[in-house]
Amino acid sequence: MVILLMISAVGRTFRNKNYLSAKIQPAETAAEEKTELLPELEMRDDLVSEDVIYEYEIQELYARRNEKQIYGVVYVPQDAGEKMPTVIFSHGFGGNYQVGTQYAEALAAKGYVVYCFDFCGGGPDSRSDGSTLEMSVFTEQADLEAVIDMMQEQSFVDSRNIFLMGTSMGGAVSAITAAAHEDEIQGAILLYPAFVLVDDAKEKFGSTADIPDTYYHMWMTVGRVFAEDLLDYDIYGTISAYKKDVLLIHGDADGIVPISYSKKAVQAYDSARLEVLPGAGHGFSGEDAGQAIDWILEYLNTHKASGKDGTQ
């Protein structure tokens, strides 16, 4: 079942400075290192002259996984076409849909539909059903798969051009989901993806017998299910099944997910590009966010399928 509710027909013109200085939303700041907000950047002249800036509407949009309802918001550009390329944004551990706001606003202004949602039990402020004690990488993969199915049904979505994008744990979930659905996913954008999760679980627990029913992980209480399936999981072997181009963006001062994990991912993929933000931590803001958005737009603009058969 899909429920679509209008929040507001904001129809606002996206101003060229705003997305470059947008802050990470509060839901994920607890999950990310605090980074100093740098001064605003002016939009590059070449981006201003090349592309139209679209107005967009923001609507509530629900998906469902079995008995669980998944909450999200969709950004829909106005007058950008009947069917538009679409980005599905997945937040990180302990976050919620608001983490994607700065990216959604920027991409919607450039003609991309963007859907940001809450994983079931993905964080204490989640508006989706489910408890943090029930959540794992694999329940989040199932949530994302339900979201993909729902978005494919939307009349304004170009189903040939669905991209997955995620931060931290959401990046890892996007990667494994893209690998499982390569024919449906045109591209993947992974921001400081948390491929470290497997090593974290192995360092914490020697075997499944050592995993308690609940335990405190970083800043949130999780259940046994969070770790038990990671102990023997080959995450790099899994993501390598995705043969299309992948964009990774990582800060070289990330203290939560070292950049070495993204460097290893580049080796695992057939075709991947890693962009490094010097001095950036786990979460981007200010000039770092602006540069990341430039790279994301470049990737999206050059990887959209065209033609009836979806060929470039």
C-alpha atoms as a PDB file:
ATOM      1  CA  MET A   1       0.000   0.000   0.000  1.00  0.00           C
ATOM      2  CA  VAL A   2       1.254   3.443  -0.915  1.00  0.00           C
ATOM      3  CA  ILE A   3      -0.004   6.607   0.788  1.00  0.00           C
ATOM      4  CA  LEU A   4       0.738  10.006  -0.702  1.00  0.00           C
ATOM      5  CA  LEU A   5       0.029  13.142   1.325  1.00  0.00           C
ATOM      6  CA  MET A   6       0.911  16.690   0.341  1.00  0.00           C
ATOM      7  CA  ILE A   7       2.894  18.546   2.995  1.00  0.00           C
ATOM      8  CA  SER A   8       2.993  21.791   1.119  1.00  0.00           C
ATOM      9  CA  ALA A   9       3.278  22.897  -2.454  1.00  0.00           C
ATOM     10  CA  VAL A  10       6.307  24.944  -1.584  1.00  0.00           C
ATOM     11  CA  GLY A  11       7.063  25.772  -5.205  1.00  0.00           C
ATOM     12  CA  ARG A  12      10.082  27.670  -4.009  1.00  0.00           C
ATOM     13  CA  THR A  13      12.879  28.742  -6.287  1.00  0.00           C
ATOM     14  CA  PHE A  14      16.089  27.142  -5.082  1.00  0.00           C
ATOM     15  CA  ARG A  15      18.678  29.841  -4.445  1.00  0.00           C
ATOM     16  CA  ASN A  16      22.166  29.105  -5.616  1.00  0.00           C
ATOM     17  CA  LYS A  17      23.952  29.654  -2.285  1.00  0.00           C
ATOM     18  CA  ASN A  18      21.694  27.653  -0.013  1.00  0.00           C
ATOM     19  CA  TYR A  19      22.752  24.086  -0.640  1.00  0.00           C
ATOM     20  CA  LEU A  20      26.429  24.879  -0.360  1.00  0.00           C
ATOM     21  CA  SER A  21      26.119  26.026   3.224  1.00  0.00           C
ATOM     22  CA  ALA A  22      23.400  23.683   4.474  1.00  0.00           C
ATOM     23  CA  LYS A  23      24.122  21.943   7.778  1.00  0.00           C
ATOM     24  CA  ILE A  24      23.797  18.246   8.476  1.00  0.00           C
ATOM     25  CA  GLN A  25      20.399  17.840  10.148  1.00  0.00           C
ATOM     26  CA  PRO A  26      20.338  17.160  13.904  1.00  0.00           C
ATOM     27  CA  ALA A  27      19.221  13.524  13.553  1.00  0.00           C
ATOM     28  CA  GLU A  28      22.624  12.367  12.376  1.00  0.00           C
ATOM     29  CA  THR A  29      24.951  14.785  14.118  1.00  0.00           C
ATOM     30  CA  ALA A  30      24.928  12.405  17.068  1.00  0.00           C
ATOM     31  CA  ALA A  31      26.130   9.744  14.647  1.00  0.00           C
ATOM     32  CA  GLU A  32      28.816  11.820  12.996  1.00  0.00           C
ATOM     33  CA  GLU A  33      31.812  13.833  14.024  1.00  0.00           C
ATOM     34  CA  LYS A  34      31.030  17.502  14.408  1.00  0.00           C
ATOM     35  CA  THR A  35      32.549  19.531  11.600  1.00  0.00           C
ATOM     36  CA  GLU A  36      32.895  23.294  11.596  1.00  0.00           C
ATOM     37  CA  LEU A  37      30.522  25.010   9.200  1.00  0.00           C
ATOM     38  CA  LEU A  38      32.646  26.827   6.675  1.00  0.00           C
ATOM     39  CA  PRO A  39      31.717  30.098   4.964  1.00  0.00           C
ATOM     40  CA  GLU A  40      29.237  30.052   2.102  1.00  0.00           C
ATOM     41  CA  LEU A  41      30.484  29.534  -1.411  1.00  0.00           C
ATOM     42  CA  GLU A  42      29.060  31.218  -4.449  1.00  0.00           C
ATOM     43  CA  MET A  43      27.707  28.802  -7.032  1.00  0.00           C
ATOM     44  CA  ARG A  44      30.213  28.185  -9.790  1.00  0.00           C
ATOM     45  CA  ASP A  45      29.376  30.260 -12.861  1.00  0.00           C
ATOM     46  CA  ASP A  46      29.509  27.258 -15.169  1.00  0.00           C
ATOM     47  CA  LEU A  47      26.827  25.432 -13.145  1.00  0.00           C
ATOM     48  CA  VAL A  48      24.602  28.498 -13.085  1.00  0.00           C
ATOM     49  CA  SER A  49      24.775  28.991 -16.831  1.00  0.00           C
ATOM     50  CA  GLU A  50      24.412  25.320 -17.776  1.00  0.00           C
ATOM     51  CA  ASP A  51      21.275  24.322 -15.926  1.00  0.00           C
ATOM     52  CA  VAL A  52      17.847  25.661 -15.112  1.00  0.00           C
ATOM     53  CA  ILE A  53      16.998  25.946 -11.422  1.00  0.00           C
ATOM     54  CA  TYR A  54      13.670  24.161 -10.859  1.00  0.00           C
ATOM     55  CA  GLU A  55      11.051  24.833  -8.276  1.00  0.00           C
ATOM     56  CA  TYR A  56       9.920  21.709  -6.429  1.00  0.00           C
ATOM     57  CA  GLU A  57       7.200  20.356  -4.168  1.00  0.00           C
ATOM     58  CA  ILE A  58       7.756  18.341  -1.010  1.00  0.00           C
ATOM     59  CA  GLN A  59       5.254  15.599  -0.209  1.00  0.00           C
ATOM     60  CA  GLU A  60       4.932  12.887   2.429  1.00  0.00           C
ATOM     61  CA  LEU A  61       5.099   9.451   0.855  1.00  0.00           C
ATOM     62  CA  TYR A  62       4.791   6.096   2.612  1.00  0.00           C
ATOM     63  CA  ALA A  63       5.947   2.630   1.626  1.00  0.00           C
ATOM     64  CA  ARG A  64       5.290  -0.665   3.386  1.00  0.00           C
ATOM     65  CA  ARG A  65       7.417  -3.694   4.206  1.00  0.00           C
ATOM     66  CA  ASN A  66       5.108  -6.489   5.316  1.00  0.00           C
ATOM     67  CA  GLU A  67       3.287  -5.095   8.355  1.00  0.00           C
ATOM     68  CA  LYS A  68       5.663  -2.159   8.832  1.00  0.00           C
ATOM     69  CA  GLN A  69       4.976   1.306   7.441  1.00  0.00           C
ATOM     70  CA  ILE A  70       7.953   3.287   6.135  1.00  0.00           C
ATOM     71  CA  TYR A  71       7.801   7.075   6.364  1.00  0.00           C
ATOM     72  CA  GLY A  72       9.485   9.408   3.916  1.00  0.00           C
ATOM     73  CA  VAL A  73       9.299  12.653   1.991  1.00  0.00           C
ATOM     74  CA  VAL A  74       9.686  13.090  -1.746  1.00  0.00           C
ATOM     75  CA  TYR A  75      10.996  16.180  -3.526  1.00  0.00           C
ATOM     76  CA  VAL A  76       9.326  16.554  -6.927  1.00  0.00           C
ATOM     77  CA  PRO A  77      10.705  19.125  -9.399  1.00  0.00           C
ATOM     78  CA  GLN A  78       8.071  21.127 -11.240  1.00  0.00           C
ATOM     79  CA  ASP A  79       8.058  21.404 -15.059  1.00  0.00           C
ATOM     80  CA  ALA A  80      11.140  19.201 -15.347  1.00  0.00           C
ATOM     81  CA  GLY A  81       9.402  16.477 -17.355  1.00  0.00           C
ATOM     82  CA  GLU A  82       6.674  13.878 -16.982  1.00  0.00           C
ATOM     83  CA  LYS A  83       9.076  11.191 -15.779  1.00  0.00           C
ATOM     84  CA  MET A  84      12.240  12.294 -14.009  1.00  0.00           C
ATOM     85  CA  PRO A  85      15.461  10.615 -12.884  1.00  0.00           C
ATOM     86  CA  THR A  86      15.205   9.675  -9.222  1.00  0.00           C
ATOM     87  CA  VAL A  87      17.559   9.425  -6.264  1.00  0.00           C
ATOM     88  CA  ILE A  88      16.650   7.373  -3.188  1.00  0.00           C
ATOM     89  CA  PHE A  89      18.557   8.639  -0.143  1.00  0.00           C
ATOM     90  CA  SER A  90      19.344   6.373   2.834  1.00  0.00           C
ATOM     91  CA  HIS A  91      20.447   7.832   6.171  1.00  0.00           C
ATOM     92  CA  GLY A  92      23.110   6.428   8.466  1.00  0.00           C
ATOM     93  CA  PHE A  93      23.052   4.654  11.823  1.00  0.00           C
ATOM     94  CA  GLY A  94      20.783   6.430  14.293  1.00  0.00           C
ATOM     95  CA  GLY A  95      19.683   9.072  11.780  1.00  0.00           C
ATOM     96  CA  ASN A  96      16.465   9.861   9.979  1.00  0.00           C
ATOM     97  CA  TYR A  97      15.178  11.236   6.681  1.00  0.00           C
ATOM     98  CA  GLN A  98      16.238  14.807   7.516  1.00  0.00           C
ATOM     99  CA  VAL A  99      19.902  13.887   7.024  1.00  0.00           C
ATOM    100  CA  GLY A 100      19.279  14.002   3.280  1.00  0.00           C
ATOM    101  CA  THR A 101      17.757  17.491   3.232  1.00  0.00           C
ATOM    102  CA  GLN A 102      20.755  19.424   1.924  1.00  0.00           C
ATOM    103  CA  TYR A 103      21.289  16.889  -0.851  1.00  0.00           C
ATOM    104  CA  ALA A 104      17.587  16.586  -1.722  1.00  0.00           C
ATOM    105  CA  GLU A 105      17.163  20.342  -2.060  1.00  0.00           C
ATOM    106  CA  ALA A 106      20.201  20.638  -4.307  1.00  0.00           C
ATOM    107  CA  LEU A 107      19.294  17.734  -6.578  1.00  0.00           C
ATOM    108  CA  ALA A 108      15.595  18.609  -6.827  1.00  0.00           C
ATOM    109  CA  ALA A 109      16.574  22.105  -7.950  1.00  0.00           C
ATOM    110  CA  LYS A 110      18.441  20.420 -10.815  1.00  0.00           C
ATOM    111  CA  GLY A 111      15.487  18.297 -11.941  1.00  0.00           C
ATOM    112  CA  TYR A 112      15.941  15.097  -9.899  1.00  0.00           C
ATOM    113  CA  VAL A 113      13.188  13.507  -7.849  1.00  0.00           C
ATOM    114  CA  VAL A 114      14.636  12.697  -4.411  1.00  0.00           C
ATOM    115  CA  TYR A 115      13.103  10.443  -1.778  1.00  0.00           C
ATOM    116  CA  CYS A 116      14.414  10.562   1.812  1.00  0.00           C
ATOM    117  CA  PHE A 117      12.981   8.071   4.299  1.00  0.00           C
ATOM    118  CA  ASP A 118      13.350   6.619   7.782  1.00  0.00           C
ATOM    119  CA  PHE A 119      14.549   3.047   8.130  1.00  0.00           C
ATOM    120  CA  CYS A 120      12.368   0.925  10.393  1.00  0.00           C
ATOM    121  CA  GLY A 121      14.059   1.133  13.778  1.00  0.00           C
ATOM    122  CA  GLY A 122      16.891   3.045  12.126  1.00  0.00           C
ATOM    123  CA  GLY A 123      17.139   5.673  14.845  1.00  0.00           C
ATOM    124  CA  PRO A 124      15.441   7.003  17.971  1.00  0.00           C
ATOM    125  CA  ASP A 125      13.634   9.702  15.967  1.00  0.00           C
ATOM    126  CA  SER A 126      12.427   7.410  13.187  1.00  0.00           C
ATOM    127  CA  ARG A 127       8.860   7.994  12.035  1.00  0.00           C
ATOM    128  CA  SER A 128       8.725   4.536  10.473  1.00  0.00           C
ATOM    129  CA  ASP A 129       7.476   1.503  12.366  1.00  0.00           C
ATOM    130  CA  GLY A 130       9.825  -0.776  14.248  1.00  0.00           C
ATOM    131  CA  SER A 131      12.316  -0.736  17.112  1.00  0.00           C
ATOM    132  CA  THR A 132      16.070  -0.168  17.084  1.00  0.00           C
ATOM    133  CA  LEU A 133      16.287  -3.604  18.731  1.00  0.00           C
ATOM    134  CA  GLU A 134      14.941  -5.200  15.543  1.00  0.00           C
ATOM    135  CA  MET A 135      17.142  -3.309  13.067  1.00  0.00           C
ATOM    136  CA  SER A 136      20.111  -4.642  11.111  1.00  0.00           C
ATOM    137  CA  VAL A 137      21.877  -4.039   7.819  1.00  0.00           C
ATOM    138  CA  PHE A 138      19.619  -6.675   6.306  1.00  0.00           C
ATOM    139  CA  THR A 139      16.309  -5.331   7.638  1.00  0.00           C
ATOM    140  CA  GLU A 140      17.398  -1.981   6.226  1.00  0.00           C
ATOM    141  CA  GLN A 141      18.118  -3.644   2.890  1.00  0.00           C
ATOM    142  CA  ALA A 142      14.565  -5.002   2.949  1.00  0.00           C
ATOM    143  CA  ASP A 143      13.244  -1.507   3.753  1.00  0.00           C
ATOM    144  CA  LEU A 144      15.171  -0.036   0.830  1.00  0.00           C
ATOM    145  CA  GLU A 145      13.891  -2.744  -1.501  1.00  0.00           C
ATOM    146  CA  ALA A 146      10.323  -1.893  -0.461  1.00  0.00           C
ATOM    147  CA  VAL A 147      11.040   1.778  -1.153  1.00  0.00           C
ATOM    148  CA  ILE A 148      12.434   0.967  -4.605  1.00  0.00           C
ATOM    149  CA  ASP A 149       9.274  -0.993  -5.444  1.00  0.00           C
ATOM    150  CA  MET A 150       7.100   1.884  -4.259  1.00  0.00           C
ATOM    151  CA  MET A 151       9.032   4.525  -6.179  1.00  0.00           C
ATOM    152  CA  GLN A 152       8.862   2.501  -9.381  1.00  0.00           C
ATOM    153  CA  GLU A 153       5.079   2.848  -9.171  1.00  0.00           C
ATOM    154  CA  GLN A 154       5.104   6.659  -9.051  1.00  0.00           C
ATOM    155  CA  SER A 155       3.956   8.339 -12.255  1.00  0.00           C
ATOM    156  CA  PHE A 156       6.697  11.007 -12.109  1.00  0.00           C
ATOM    157  CA  VAL A 157       9.586   8.528 -11.729  1.00  0.00           C
ATOM    158  CA  ASP A 158      11.690   7.420 -14.679  1.00  0.00           C
ATOM    159  CA  SER A 159      12.195   3.798 -13.659  1.00  0.00           C
ATOM    160  CA  ARG A 160      15.190   3.472 -16.006  1.00  0.00           C
ATOM    161  CA  ASN A 161      16.991   6.113 -13.967  1.00  0.00           C
ATOM    162  CA  ILE A 162      16.790   5.188 -10.302  1.00  0.00           C
ATOM    163  CA  PHE A 163      19.959   5.901  -8.319  1.00  0.00           C
ATOM    164  CA  LEU A 164      20.737   4.862  -4.750  1.00  0.00           C
ATOM    165  CA  MET A 165      22.552   7.269  -2.461  1.00  0.00           C
ATOM    166  CA  GLY A 166      23.430   6.832   1.191  1.00  0.00           C
ATOM    167  CA  THR A 167      25.570   8.109   4.036  1.00  0.00           C
ATOM    168  CA  SER A 168      27.548   5.905   6.439  1.00  0.00           C
ATOM    169  CA  MET A 169      25.490   2.775   7.221  1.00  0.00           C
ATOM    170  CA  GLY A 170      22.972   3.961   4.644  1.00  0.00           C
ATOM    171  CA  GLY A 171      25.799   3.958   2.123  1.00  0.00           C
ATOM    172  CA  ALA A 172      26.655   0.352   2.961  1.00  0.00           C
ATOM    173  CA  VAL A 173      22.980  -0.635   2.702  1.00  0.00           C
ATOM    174  CA  SER A 174      22.705   1.173  -0.641  1.00  0.00           C
ATOM    175  CA  ALA A 175      25.760  -0.701  -1.904  1.00  0.00           C
ATOM    176  CA  ILE A 176      24.504  -4.176  -1.030  1.00  0.00           C
ATOM    177  CA  THR A 177      21.016  -3.358  -2.318  1.00  0.00           C
ATOM    178  CA  ALA A 178      22.358  -2.063  -5.628  1.00  0.00           C
ATOM    179  CA  ALA A 179      24.312  -5.313  -6.010  1.00  0.00           C
ATOM    180  CA  ALA A 180      21.130  -7.325  -5.486  1.00  0.00           C
ATOM    181  CA  HIS A 181      19.158  -5.236  -7.990  1.00  0.00           C
ATOM    182  CA  GLU A 182      21.652  -4.196 -10.644  1.00  0.00           C
ATOM    183  CA  ASP A 183      19.091  -4.225 -13.478  1.00  0.00           C
ATOM    184  CA  GLU A 184      16.856  -1.780 -11.591  1.00  0.00           C
ATOM    185  CA  ILE A 185      19.536   0.568 -10.240  1.00  0.00           C
ATOM    186  CA  GLN A 186      21.270   2.857 -12.707  1.00  0.00           C
ATOM    187  CA  GLY A 187      23.962   4.043 -10.290  1.00  0.00           C
ATOM    188  CA  ALA A 188      25.131   4.251  -6.681  1.00  0.00           C
ATOM    189  CA  ILE A 189      26.515   7.206  -4.720  1.00  0.00           C
ATOM    190  CA  LEU A 190      28.135   6.246  -1.429  1.00  0.00           C
ATOM    191  CA  LEU A 191      29.109   8.926   1.078  1.00  0.00           C
ATOM    192  CA  TYR A 192      31.569   7.670   3.724  1.00  0.00           C
ATOM    193  CA  PRO A 193      29.935   4.208   3.504  1.00  0.00           C
ATOM    194  CA  ALA A 194      30.221   2.170   6.692  1.00  0.00           C
ATOM    195  CA  PHE A 195      31.807  -1.003   5.337  1.00  0.00           C
ATOM    196  CA  VAL A 196      33.593  -1.019   8.708  1.00  0.00           C
ATOM    197  CA  LEU A 197      30.455  -2.537  10.275  1.00  0.00           C
ATOM    198  CA  VAL A 198      31.663  -6.079   9.653  1.00  0.00           C
ATOM    199  CA  ASP A 199      35.041  -5.508  11.291  1.00  0.00           C
ATOM    200  CA  ASP A 200      33.355  -3.695  14.186  1.00  0.00           C
ATOM    201  CA  ALA A 201      31.150  -6.719  14.851  1.00  0.00           C
ATOM    202  CA  LYS A 202      34.081  -9.136  14.653  1.00  0.00           C
ATOM    203  CA  GLU A 203      36.165  -7.038  17.045  1.00  0.00           C
ATOM    204  CA  LYS A 204      33.309  -6.802  19.537  1.00  0.00           C
ATOM    205  CA  PHE A 205      32.176 -10.442  19.448  1.00  0.00           C
ATOM    206  CA  GLY A 206      34.221 -13.562  18.857  1.00  0.00           C
ATOM    207  CA  SER A 207      31.202 -15.689  17.965  1.00  0.00           C
ATOM    208  CA  THR A 208      27.425 -15.504  17.829  1.00  0.00           C
ATOM    209  CA  ALA A 209      27.334 -17.064  21.298  1.00  0.00           C
ATOM    210  CA  ASP A 210      28.996 -13.919  22.663  1.00  0.00           C
ATOM    211  CA  ILE A 211      26.290 -11.560  21.368  1.00  0.00           C
ATOM    212  CA  PRO A 212      23.781 -10.482  24.062  1.00  0.00           C
ATOM    213  CA  ASP A 213      20.105  -9.931  23.346  1.00  0.00           C
ATOM    214  CA  THR A 214      20.698  -6.163  23.474  1.00  0.00           C
ATOM    215  CA  TYR A 215      23.819  -4.014  23.672  1.00  0.00           C
ATOM    216  CA  TYR A 216      24.895  -0.399  23.375  1.00  0.00           C
ATOM    217  CA  HIS A 217      26.563   0.347  20.051  1.00  0.00           C
ATOM    218  CA  MET A 218      28.149   3.788  19.692  1.00  0.00           C
ATOM    219  CA  TRP A 219      25.209   5.958  20.804  1.00  0.00           C
ATOM    220  CA  MET A 220      22.192   3.661  20.501  1.00  0.00           C
ATOM    221  CA  THR A 221      20.923   0.383  21.961  1.00  0.00           C
ATOM    222  CA  VAL A 222      20.564  -2.332  19.338  1.00  0.00           C
ATOM    223  CA  GLY A 223      19.507  -5.959  19.385  1.00  0.00           C
ATOM    224  CA  ARG A 224      21.342  -9.210  18.830  1.00  0.00           C
ATOM    225  CA  VAL A 225      20.244  -9.246  15.191  1.00  0.00           C
ATOM    226  CA  PHE A 226      22.394  -6.192  14.459  1.00  0.00           C
ATOM    227  CA  ALA A 227      25.638  -8.167  14.824  1.00  0.00           C
ATOM    228  CA  GLU A 228      24.855 -11.843  14.436  1.00  0.00           C
ATOM    229  CA  ASP A 229      24.666 -11.944  10.633  1.00  0.00           C
ATOM    230  CA  LEU A 230      27.756  -9.757  10.184  1.00  0.00           C
ATOM    231  CA  LEU A 231      30.303 -12.092  11.775  1.00  0.00           C
ATOM    232  CA  ASP A 232      30.681 -14.243   8.657  1.00  0.00           C
ATOM    233  CA  TYR A 233      29.500 -11.693   6.090  1.00  0.00           C
ATOM    234  CA  ASP A 234      31.698 -10.863   3.081  1.00  0.00           C
ATOM    235  CA  ILE A 235      30.520  -7.320   2.405  1.00  0.00           C
ATOM    236  CA  TYR A 236      33.112  -6.585  -0.269  1.00  0.00           C
ATOM    237  CA  GLY A 237      32.334  -9.810  -2.080  1.00  0.00           C
ATOM    238  CA  THR A 238      28.666  -8.865  -1.991  1.00  0.00           C
ATOM    239  CA  ILE A 239      28.999  -5.326  -3.331  1.00  0.00           C
ATOM    240  CA  SER A 240      31.371  -6.423  -6.096  1.00  0.00           C
ATOM    241  CA  ALA A 241      28.401  -7.986  -7.905  1.00  0.00           C
ATOM    242  CA  TYR A 242      27.365  -4.475  -8.944  1.00  0.00           C
ATOM    243  CA  LYS A 243      29.118  -3.889 -12.274  1.00  0.00           C
ATOM    244  CA  LYS A 244      27.923  -0.374 -13.108  1.00  0.00           C
ATOM    245  CA  ASP A 245      29.835   2.800 -12.207  1.00  0.00           C
ATOM    246  CA  VAL A 246      29.887   3.779  -8.527  1.00  0.00           C
ATOM    247  CA  LEU A 247      30.801   7.134  -6.960  1.00  0.00           C
ATOM    248  CA  LEU A 248      32.308   7.173  -3.455  1.00  0.00           C
ATOM    249  CA  ILE A 249      33.012  10.364  -1.493  1.00  0.00           C
ATOM    250  CA  HIS A 250      34.975  10.213   1.767  1.00  0.00           C
ATOM    251  CA  GLY A 251      36.786  12.594   4.073  1.00  0.00           C
ATOM    252  CA  ASP A 252      40.372  11.713   4.907  1.00  0.00           C
ATOM    253  CA  ALA A 253      39.891  12.749   8.557  1.00  0.00           C
ATOM    254  CA  ASP A 254      36.935  10.409   9.184  1.00  0.00           C
ATOM    255  CA  GLY A 255      37.361   8.935  12.651  1.00  0.00           C
ATOM    256  CA  ILE A 256      34.299   6.663  12.511  1.00  0.00           C
ATOM    257  CA  VAL A 257      34.759   5.023   9.104  1.00  0.00           C
ATOM    258  CA  PRO A 258      38.405   5.295   8.040  1.00  0.00           C
ATOM    259  CA  ILE A 259      38.875   6.158   4.376  1.00  0.00           C
ATOM    260  CA  SER A 260      40.725   2.862   3.918  1.00  0.00           C
ATOM    261  CA  TYR A 261      37.338   1.128   3.758  1.00  0.00           C
ATOM    262  CA  SER A 262      36.319   3.166   0.703  1.00  0.00           C
ATOM    263  CA  LYS A 263      39.718   2.585  -0.884  1.00  0.00           C
ATOM    264  CA  LYS A 264      39.163  -1.143  -0.467  1.00  0.00           C
ATOM    265  CA  ALA A 265      35.703  -0.790  -2.033  1.00  0.00           C
ATOM    266  CA  VAL A 266      37.225   0.832  -5.119  1.00  0.00           C
ATOM    267  CA  GLN A 267      39.345  -2.285  -5.538  1.00  0.00           C
ATOM    268  CA  ALA A 268      36.314  -4.552  -5.086  1.00  0.00           C
ATOM    269  CA  TYR A 269      34.188  -2.811  -7.710  1.00  0.00           C
ATOM    270  CA  ASP A 270      34.702  -3.238 -11.445  1.00  0.00           C
ATOM    271  CA  SER A 271      34.219   0.490 -11.977  1.00  0.00           C
ATOM    272  CA  ALA A 272      34.350   2.948  -9.082  1.00  0.00           C
ATOM    273  CA  ARG A 273      35.612   6.466  -8.489  1.00  0.00           C
ATOM    274  CA  LEU A 274      36.654   7.731  -5.074  1.00  0.00           C
ATOM    275  CA  GLU A 275      36.640  11.469  -4.413  1.00  0.00           C
ATOM    276  CA  VAL A 276      38.471  12.553  -1.255  1.00  0.00           C
ATOM    277  CA  LEU A 277      37.661  15.627   0.821  1.00  0.00           C
ATOM    278  CA  PRO A 278      40.854  16.690   2.643  1.00  0.00           C
ATOM    279  CA  GLY A 279      40.270  17.315   6.338  1.00  0.00           C
ATOM    280  CA  ALA A 280      36.604  16.245   6.244  1.00  0.00           C
ATOM    281  CA  GLY A 281      35.203  13.992   8.947  1.00  0.00           C
ATOM    282  CA  HIS A 282      32.167  11.746   9.150  1.00  0.00           C
ATOM    283  CA  GLY A 283      29.549  14.071   7.691  1.00  0.00           C
ATOM    284  CA  PHE A 284      29.867  16.985   5.297  1.00  0.00           C
ATOM    285  CA  SER A 285      28.888  20.633   5.714  1.00  0.00           C
ATOM    286  CA  GLY A 286      29.828  24.021   4.297  1.00  0.00           C
ATOM    287  CA  GLU A 287      32.355  23.904   1.475  1.00  0.00           C
ATOM    288  CA  ASP A 288      32.738  20.137   1.860  1.00  0.00           C
ATOM    289  CA  ALA A 289      29.015  19.618   1.270  1.00  0.00           C
ATOM    290  CA  GLY A 290      29.135  21.979  -1.704  1.00  0.00           C
ATOM    291  CA  GLN A 291      32.008  20.087  -3.297  1.00  0.00           C
ATOM    292  CA  ALA A 292      30.286  16.753  -2.653  1.00  0.00           C
ATOM    293  CA  ILE A 293      27.110  18.029  -4.316  1.00  0.00           C
ATOM    294  CA  ASP A 294      29.087  19.177  -7.353  1.00  0.00           C
ATOM    295  CA  TRP A 295      30.591  15.687  -7.696  1.00  0.00           C
ATOM    296  CA  ILE A 296      27.162  14.079  -7.213  1.00  0.00           C
ATOM    297  CA  LEU A 297      25.541  16.233  -9.889  1.00  0.00           C
ATOM    298  CA  GLU A 298      28.375  15.558 -12.302  1.00  0.00           C
ATOM    299  CA  TYR A 299      27.972  11.814 -11.738  1.00  0.00           C
ATOM    300  CA  LEU A 300      24.192  11.888 -12.128  1.00  0.00           C
ATOM    301  CA  ASN A 301      24.285  14.057 -15.239  1.00  0.00           C
ATOM    302  CA  THR A 302      26.738  11.721 -16.959  1.00  0.00           C
ATOM    303  CA  HIS A 303      25.134   8.424 -15.916  1.00  0.00           C
ATOM    304  CA  LYS A 304      21.483   8.901 -16.804  1.00  0.00           C
ATOM    305  CA  ALA A 305      20.156   6.366 -19.275  1.00  0.00           C
ATOM    306  CA  SER A 306      18.400   7.721 -22.352  1.00  0.00           C
ATOM    307  CA  GLY A 307      16.352   6.222 -25.150  1.00  0.00           C
ATOM    308  CA  LYS A 308      13.533   3.705 -25.028  1.00  0.00           C
ATOM    309  CA  ASP A 309      15.877   0.842 -24.263  1.00  0.00           C
ATOM    310  CA  GLY A 310      17.654   2.735 -21.483  1.00  0.00           C
ATOM    311  CA  THR A 311      20.942   2.998 -23.356  1.00  0.00           C
ATOM    312  CA  GLN A 312      23.206   5.994 -22.890  1.00  0.00           C
END
